[in-house]
Amino acid sequence: MSIGTRLFTWLRGEQVGSDGFGNRYYRERRRPPARALEAGKRPVSLAREKRWVVYAGEADGSKVPPVWHAWLHHTIQEVPTGEAAQGYAWQKPHVPNLTGTPLAYRPPGSLLAEGKRPKATGDYEPWRPS
């Protein structure tokens, strides 16, 4: 985290929650002013509140679970807590993108996978122009 982000978070941020990866989520303490468009109507804000995440460890957008991503991008308004943050029973747990790490998926036959590449089975026929 840069010194600018740290200072902005300390001065103007309000922590609203965290996830299982240790990321902390913030919004601006002072909300945008609401304006009434017409008499008798509900006041609406023309500016959206600022929301951001402070990552635990390396900053990687794939570390943000889907429900927190929705909150950060104003898809949902309520802060995810309790069961909403856990997701549905049929959902798999969120896993960050592991590409480029030792835990990355290496399919069988990959040159980067441990072991030897299997020999061709004889069902391959190279293309030859006619």
N, C-alpha and C. Protein backbone atom coordinates (compact mmCIF):
# COMPACT_ATOMS: atom_id res chain seq x y z
N MET A 1 0.86 -1.17 0.00
CA MET A 1 0.00 0.00 0.00
C MET A 1 0.91 1.22 0.00
N SER A 2 0.60 2.17 -0.86
CA SER A 2 1.40 3.38 -0.95
C SER A 2 1.09 4.30 0.22
N ILE A 3 1.98 5.26 0.44
CA ILE A 3 1.79 6.20 1.54
C ILE A 3 0.55 7.06 1.31
N GLY A 4 0.25 7.37 0.05
CA GLY A 4 -0.95 8.16 -0.26
C GLY A 4 -2.23 7.42 0.10
N THR A 5 -2.29 6.15 -0.24
CA THR A 5 -3.47 5.35 0.10
C THR A 5 -3.59 5.19 1.61
N ARG A 6 -2.48 4.97 2.27
CA ARG A 6 -2.49 4.81 3.73
C ARG A 6 -2.97 6.09 4.41
N LEU A 7 -2.49 7.24 3.94
CA LEU A 7 -2.89 8.52 4.51
C LEU A 7 -4.36 8.82 4.25
N PHE A 8 -4.81 8.60 3.00
CA PHE A 8 -6.22 8.82 2.64
C PHE A 8 -7.13 7.92 3.47
N THR A 9 -6.73 6.66 3.64
CA THR A 9 -7.53 5.72 4.42
C THR A 9 -7.59 6.15 5.88
N TRP A 10 -6.48 6.59 6.44
CA TRP A 10 -6.45 7.00 7.83
C TRP A 10 -7.28 8.26 8.07
N LEU A 11 -7.21 9.23 7.14
CA LEU A 11 -7.91 10.50 7.32
C LEU A 11 -9.40 10.42 6.98
N ARG A 12 -9.73 9.72 5.91
CA ARG A 12 -11.10 9.80 5.40
C ARG A 12 -11.83 8.46 5.32
N GLY A 13 -11.17 7.37 5.67
CA GLY A 13 -11.78 6.06 5.51
C GLY A 13 -12.50 5.55 6.74
N GLU A 14 -13.53 4.77 6.50
CA GLU A 14 -14.28 4.08 7.55
C GLU A 14 -14.29 2.61 7.17
N GLN A 15 -13.68 1.74 8.00
CA GLN A 15 -13.65 0.33 7.69
C GLN A 15 -15.04 -0.26 7.88
N VAL A 16 -15.50 -0.99 6.85
CA VAL A 16 -16.85 -1.58 6.91
C VAL A 16 -16.81 -3.08 7.03
N GLY A 17 -15.66 -3.70 6.75
CA GLY A 17 -15.60 -5.15 6.86
C GLY A 17 -14.29 -5.70 6.34
N SER A 18 -14.19 -7.03 6.42
CA SER A 18 -13.03 -7.73 5.89
C SER A 18 -13.48 -9.10 5.40
N ASP A 19 -12.61 -9.74 4.63
CA ASP A 19 -12.97 -11.06 4.09
C ASP A 19 -12.02 -12.11 4.65
N GLY A 20 -12.18 -13.34 4.20
CA GLY A 20 -11.37 -14.44 4.68
C GLY A 20 -9.92 -14.38 4.28
N PHE A 21 -9.58 -13.56 3.30
CA PHE A 21 -8.20 -13.43 2.86
C PHE A 21 -7.45 -12.35 3.64
N GLY A 22 -8.16 -11.64 4.52
CA GLY A 22 -7.53 -10.57 5.30
C GLY A 22 -7.62 -9.21 4.65
N ASN A 23 -8.27 -9.10 3.49
CA ASN A 23 -8.47 -7.80 2.84
C ASN A 23 -9.45 -6.98 3.67
N ARG A 24 -9.20 -5.68 3.77
CA ARG A 24 -10.07 -4.78 4.53
C ARG A 24 -10.77 -3.84 3.54
N TYR A 25 -12.06 -3.61 3.76
CA TYR A 25 -12.87 -2.80 2.86
C TYR A 25 -13.28 -1.51 3.55
N TYR A 26 -13.19 -0.41 2.81
CA TYR A 26 -13.44 0.92 3.36
C TYR A 26 -14.41 1.69 2.48
N ARG A 27 -15.03 2.69 3.11
CA ARG A 27 -15.79 3.70 2.37
C ARG A 27 -15.48 5.04 3.02
N GLU A 28 -15.79 6.10 2.29
CA GLU A 28 -15.51 7.43 2.80
C GLU A 28 -16.42 7.75 3.97
N ARG A 29 -15.85 8.33 5.02
CA ARG A 29 -16.65 8.69 6.20
C ARG A 29 -17.74 9.68 5.86
N ARG A 30 -17.37 10.71 5.14
CA ARG A 30 -18.34 11.74 4.77
C ARG A 30 -19.03 11.31 3.48
N ARG A 31 -20.32 11.15 3.54
CA ARG A 31 -21.09 10.71 2.38
C ARG A 31 -21.37 11.90 1.46
N PRO A 32 -21.57 11.66 0.17
CA PRO A 32 -21.94 12.74 -0.73
C PRO A 32 -23.27 13.36 -0.31
N PRO A 33 -23.43 14.66 -0.48
CA PRO A 33 -24.69 15.29 -0.06
C PRO A 33 -25.86 14.84 -0.93
N ALA A 34 -26.99 14.69 -0.30
CA ALA A 34 -28.21 14.30 -1.02
C ALA A 34 -28.93 15.55 -1.48
N ARG A 35 -29.55 15.49 -2.63
CA ARG A 35 -30.30 16.62 -3.17
C ARG A 35 -31.72 16.16 -3.48
N ALA A 36 -32.67 17.00 -3.16
CA ALA A 36 -34.06 16.70 -3.48
C ALA A 36 -34.33 17.22 -4.88
N LEU A 37 -34.81 16.36 -5.76
CA LEU A 37 -35.09 16.78 -7.13
C LEU A 37 -36.40 17.54 -7.21
N GLU A 38 -37.41 17.02 -6.59
CA GLU A 38 -38.72 17.67 -6.58
C GLU A 38 -39.32 17.55 -5.19
N ALA A 39 -40.23 18.44 -4.89
CA ALA A 39 -40.88 18.40 -3.58
C ALA A 39 -41.64 17.09 -3.42
N GLY A 40 -41.54 16.48 -2.27
CA GLY A 40 -42.27 15.25 -2.00
C GLY A 40 -41.55 13.99 -2.43
N LYS A 41 -40.45 14.12 -3.17
CA LYS A 41 -39.71 12.95 -3.60
C LYS A 41 -38.54 12.70 -2.67
N ARG A 42 -38.11 11.50 -2.64
CA ARG A 42 -36.99 11.09 -1.81
C ARG A 42 -35.70 11.77 -2.29
N PRO A 43 -34.86 12.26 -1.38
CA PRO A 43 -33.61 12.88 -1.81
C PRO A 43 -32.68 11.83 -2.42
N VAL A 44 -32.00 12.20 -3.47
CA VAL A 44 -31.06 11.30 -4.13
C VAL A 44 -29.71 11.97 -4.20
N SER A 45 -28.69 11.17 -4.20
CA SER A 45 -27.34 11.69 -4.32
C SER A 45 -26.90 11.55 -5.77
N LEU A 46 -26.32 12.59 -6.32
CA LEU A 46 -25.84 12.54 -7.69
C LEU A 46 -24.42 11.99 -7.76
N ALA A 47 -23.73 11.94 -6.62
CA ALA A 47 -22.38 11.38 -6.57
C ALA A 47 -22.41 10.11 -5.72
N ARG A 48 -21.62 9.12 -6.12
CA ARG A 48 -21.56 7.88 -5.36
C ARG A 48 -20.46 7.98 -4.32
N GLU A 49 -20.62 7.22 -3.23
CA GLU A 49 -19.59 7.21 -2.21
C GLU A 49 -18.36 6.46 -2.73
N LYS A 50 -17.20 6.84 -2.24
CA LYS A 50 -15.97 6.17 -2.62
C LYS A 50 -15.82 4.91 -1.77
N ARG A 51 -15.46 3.81 -2.43
CA ARG A 51 -15.25 2.53 -1.76
C ARG A 51 -13.93 1.96 -2.26
N TRP A 52 -13.17 1.35 -1.36
CA TRP A 52 -11.90 0.77 -1.78
C TRP A 52 -11.52 -0.38 -0.87
N VAL A 53 -10.49 -1.12 -1.32
CA VAL A 53 -10.00 -2.27 -0.58
C VAL A 53 -8.52 -2.07 -0.30
N VAL A 54 -8.09 -2.48 0.89
CA VAL A 54 -6.68 -2.54 1.24
C VAL A 54 -6.34 -4.02 1.33
N TYR A 55 -5.49 -4.46 0.41
CA TYR A 55 -5.18 -5.89 0.29
C TYR A 55 -4.25 -6.35 1.41
N ALA A 56 -4.42 -7.58 1.81
CA ALA A 56 -3.48 -8.24 2.73
C ALA A 56 -2.41 -8.87 1.84
N GLY A 57 -1.22 -8.36 1.90
CA GLY A 57 -0.15 -8.88 1.04
C GLY A 57 -0.16 -8.16 -0.29
N GLU A 58 0.19 -8.90 -1.33
CA GLU A 58 0.30 -8.32 -2.67
C GLU A 58 -1.08 -7.90 -3.21
N ALA A 59 -1.11 -6.74 -3.84
CA ALA A 59 -2.37 -6.25 -4.42
C ALA A 59 -2.70 -7.06 -5.67
N ASP A 60 -3.81 -7.78 -5.62
CA ASP A 60 -4.25 -8.61 -6.73
C ASP A 60 -5.77 -8.61 -6.73
N GLY A 61 -6.37 -8.11 -7.79
CA GLY A 61 -7.81 -8.00 -7.87
C GLY A 61 -8.54 -9.32 -7.79
N SER A 62 -7.87 -10.43 -8.12
CA SER A 62 -8.54 -11.73 -8.06
C SER A 62 -8.68 -12.22 -6.62
N LYS A 63 -8.09 -11.51 -5.65
CA LYS A 63 -8.23 -11.89 -4.25
C LYS A 63 -9.56 -11.42 -3.65
N VAL A 64 -10.31 -10.61 -4.39
CA VAL A 64 -11.57 -10.06 -3.88
C VAL A 64 -12.70 -11.04 -4.18
N PRO A 65 -13.39 -11.56 -3.15
CA PRO A 65 -14.51 -12.47 -3.39
C PRO A 65 -15.66 -11.77 -4.14
N PRO A 66 -16.50 -12.53 -4.83
CA PRO A 66 -17.55 -11.93 -5.67
C PRO A 66 -18.49 -10.97 -4.95
N VAL A 67 -18.90 -11.30 -3.72
CA VAL A 67 -19.86 -10.43 -3.03
C VAL A 67 -19.21 -9.09 -2.68
N TRP A 68 -17.93 -9.09 -2.32
CA TRP A 68 -17.24 -7.83 -2.03
C TRP A 68 -16.97 -7.06 -3.32
N HIS A 69 -16.72 -7.77 -4.41
CA HIS A 69 -16.55 -7.10 -5.71
C HIS A 69 -17.83 -6.36 -6.08
N ALA A 70 -18.98 -7.01 -5.84
CA ALA A 70 -20.26 -6.37 -6.13
C ALA A 70 -20.45 -5.12 -5.27
N TRP A 71 -20.05 -5.17 -4.02
CA TRP A 71 -20.18 -4.00 -3.14
C TRP A 71 -19.24 -2.88 -3.60
N LEU A 72 -18.00 -3.22 -3.94
CA LEU A 72 -17.04 -2.21 -4.38
C LEU A 72 -17.52 -1.46 -5.63
N HIS A 73 -18.21 -2.17 -6.51
CA HIS A 73 -18.65 -1.59 -7.78
C HIS A 73 -20.10 -1.12 -7.74
N HIS A 74 -20.66 -0.96 -6.54
CA HIS A 74 -22.00 -0.41 -6.34
C HIS A 74 -23.09 -1.26 -6.98
N THR A 75 -22.84 -2.55 -7.16
CA THR A 75 -23.89 -3.44 -7.66
C THR A 75 -24.88 -3.73 -6.55
N ILE A 76 -24.38 -3.87 -5.33
CA ILE A 76 -25.23 -3.98 -4.16
C ILE A 76 -24.90 -2.83 -3.23
N GLN A 77 -25.89 -2.37 -2.46
CA GLN A 77 -25.68 -1.21 -1.59
C GLN A 77 -25.32 -1.61 -0.16
N GLU A 78 -25.85 -2.75 0.30
CA GLU A 78 -25.62 -3.18 1.68
C GLU A 78 -24.24 -3.81 1.80
N VAL A 79 -23.57 -3.54 2.91
CA VAL A 79 -22.27 -4.14 3.17
C VAL A 79 -22.45 -5.63 3.43
N PRO A 80 -21.70 -6.49 2.73
CA PRO A 80 -21.85 -7.94 2.93
C PRO A 80 -21.42 -8.36 4.33
N THR A 81 -22.32 -8.97 5.07
CA THR A 81 -22.01 -9.45 6.42
C THR A 81 -22.66 -10.80 6.61
N GLY A 82 -22.14 -11.57 7.52
CA GLY A 82 -22.74 -12.85 7.90
C GLY A 82 -22.92 -13.80 6.74
N GLU A 83 -24.14 -14.27 6.55
CA GLU A 83 -24.44 -15.27 5.52
C GLU A 83 -24.26 -14.71 4.12
N ALA A 84 -24.52 -13.42 3.92
CA ALA A 84 -24.37 -12.83 2.59
C ALA A 84 -22.92 -12.89 2.14
N ALA A 85 -22.00 -12.72 3.06
CA ALA A 85 -20.58 -12.76 2.71
C ALA A 85 -20.12 -14.18 2.44
N GLN A 86 -20.80 -15.18 3.00
CA GLN A 86 -20.42 -16.58 2.81
C GLN A 86 -20.87 -17.11 1.46
N GLY A 87 -21.94 -16.58 0.91
CA GLY A 87 -22.45 -17.07 -0.37
C GLY A 87 -23.48 -18.17 -0.15
N TYR A 88 -23.87 -18.82 -1.22
CA TYR A 88 -24.86 -19.88 -1.18
C TYR A 88 -24.19 -21.23 -0.92
N ALA A 89 -24.98 -22.20 -0.50
CA ALA A 89 -24.44 -23.53 -0.19
C ALA A 89 -23.86 -24.21 -1.43
N TRP A 90 -24.41 -23.90 -2.61
CA TRP A 90 -23.95 -24.55 -3.83
C TRP A 90 -22.71 -23.90 -4.42
N GLN A 91 -22.28 -22.76 -3.89
CA GLN A 91 -21.11 -22.08 -4.44
C GLN A 91 -19.82 -22.67 -3.89
N LYS A 92 -18.82 -22.76 -4.76
CA LYS A 92 -17.50 -23.17 -4.32
C LYS A 92 -16.84 -22.00 -3.60
N PRO A 93 -15.93 -22.27 -2.67
CA PRO A 93 -15.23 -21.16 -2.02
C PRO A 93 -14.37 -20.41 -3.04
N HIS A 94 -14.24 -19.11 -2.84
CA HIS A 94 -13.47 -18.28 -3.75
C HIS A 94 -11.98 -18.60 -3.63
N VAL A 95 -11.31 -18.72 -4.76
CA VAL A 95 -9.87 -18.95 -4.81
C VAL A 95 -9.26 -17.90 -5.72
N PRO A 96 -8.23 -17.19 -5.27
CA PRO A 96 -7.59 -16.20 -6.14
C PRO A 96 -6.93 -16.88 -7.34
N ASN A 97 -6.61 -16.09 -8.35
CA ASN A 97 -5.94 -16.59 -9.53
C ASN A 97 -4.53 -17.03 -9.15
N LEU A 98 -4.20 -18.29 -9.38
CA LEU A 98 -2.91 -18.83 -8.98
C LEU A 98 -1.92 -18.92 -10.12
N THR A 99 -2.23 -18.35 -11.27
CA THR A 99 -1.33 -18.37 -12.41
C THR A 99 -0.01 -17.72 -12.03
N GLY A 100 1.09 -18.37 -12.39
CA GLY A 100 2.42 -17.83 -12.11
C GLY A 100 2.94 -18.17 -10.73
N THR A 101 2.18 -18.95 -9.98
CA THR A 101 2.63 -19.37 -8.65
C THR A 101 2.93 -20.87 -8.68
N PRO A 102 3.61 -21.38 -7.67
CA PRO A 102 3.85 -22.83 -7.63
C PRO A 102 2.56 -23.64 -7.53
N LEU A 103 1.45 -23.04 -7.10
CA LEU A 103 0.19 -23.76 -6.98
C LEU A 103 -0.66 -23.72 -8.25
N ALA A 104 -0.13 -23.16 -9.33
CA ALA A 104 -0.87 -23.05 -10.59
C ALA A 104 -1.18 -24.44 -11.14
N TYR A 105 -2.30 -24.54 -11.86
CA TYR A 105 -2.70 -25.81 -12.47
C TYR A 105 -1.78 -26.13 -13.64
N ARG A 106 -1.26 -27.32 -13.67
CA ARG A 106 -0.43 -27.78 -14.77
C ARG A 106 -1.08 -29.05 -15.32
N PRO A 107 -1.68 -28.96 -16.49
CA PRO A 107 -2.38 -30.13 -17.03
C PRO A 107 -1.40 -31.26 -17.36
N PRO A 108 -1.90 -32.48 -17.42
CA PRO A 108 -1.02 -33.59 -17.79
C PRO A 108 -0.43 -33.34 -19.17
N GLY A 109 0.87 -33.58 -19.30
CA GLY A 109 1.53 -33.36 -20.58
C GLY A 109 2.17 -31.99 -20.69
N SER A 110 1.94 -31.11 -19.74
CA SER A 110 2.55 -29.79 -19.77
C SER A 110 4.04 -29.93 -19.54
N LEU A 111 4.81 -29.10 -20.21
CA LEU A 111 6.25 -29.13 -20.01
C LEU A 111 6.64 -28.64 -18.62
N LEU A 112 5.77 -27.88 -17.99
CA LEU A 112 6.05 -27.37 -16.66
C LEU A 112 5.61 -28.31 -15.55
N ALA A 113 4.80 -29.31 -15.90
CA ALA A 113 4.34 -30.28 -14.91
C ALA A 113 5.50 -31.20 -14.53
N GLU A 114 5.44 -31.68 -13.31
CA GLU A 114 6.49 -32.60 -12.88
C GLU A 114 6.32 -33.93 -13.60
N GLY A 115 7.42 -34.60 -13.80
CA GLY A 115 7.36 -35.88 -14.49
C GLY A 115 7.67 -35.70 -15.97
N LYS A 116 7.43 -36.75 -16.74
CA LYS A 116 7.74 -36.72 -18.17
C LYS A 116 6.47 -36.59 -18.98
N ARG A 117 6.63 -36.04 -20.14
CA ARG A 117 5.53 -35.90 -21.07
C ARG A 117 5.19 -37.28 -21.63
N PRO A 118 3.89 -37.65 -21.69
CA PRO A 118 3.55 -38.97 -22.24
C PRO A 118 3.83 -39.04 -23.75
N LYS A 119 4.18 -40.21 -24.19
CA LYS A 119 4.46 -40.39 -25.62
C LYS A 119 3.16 -40.29 -26.42
N ALA A 120 3.30 -39.91 -27.69
CA ALA A 120 2.14 -39.82 -28.58
C ALA A 120 1.53 -41.20 -28.73
N THR A 121 0.22 -41.25 -28.85
CA THR A 121 -0.47 -42.54 -28.90
C THR A 121 -0.62 -43.08 -30.31
N GLY A 122 -0.19 -42.35 -31.30
CA GLY A 122 -0.29 -42.83 -32.66
C GLY A 122 -1.56 -42.39 -33.36
N ASP A 123 -2.45 -41.66 -32.68
CA ASP A 123 -3.68 -41.21 -33.32
C ASP A 123 -3.50 -39.83 -33.94
N TYR A 124 -2.29 -39.28 -33.90
CA TYR A 124 -2.04 -37.97 -34.47
C TYR A 124 -1.51 -38.14 -35.89
N GLU A 125 -2.12 -37.38 -36.78
CA GLU A 125 -1.66 -37.40 -38.18
C GLU A 125 -1.40 -35.98 -38.61
N PRO A 126 -0.13 -35.62 -38.90
CA PRO A 126 0.16 -34.21 -39.25
C PRO A 126 -0.50 -33.83 -40.56
N TRP A 127 -0.82 -32.56 -40.67
CA TRP A 127 -1.43 -32.04 -41.90
C TRP A 127 -0.36 -31.86 -42.96
N ARG A 128 -0.69 -32.27 -44.15
CA ARG A 128 0.21 -32.09 -45.30
C ARG A 128 -0.57 -31.42 -46.41
N PRO A 129 -0.04 -30.31 -46.92
CA PRO A 129 -0.77 -29.65 -48.02
C PRO A 129 -0.81 -30.53 -49.26
N SER A 130 -1.89 -30.47 -50.01
CA SER A 130 -2.00 -31.30 -51.20
C SER A 130 -1.51 -30.57 -52.42
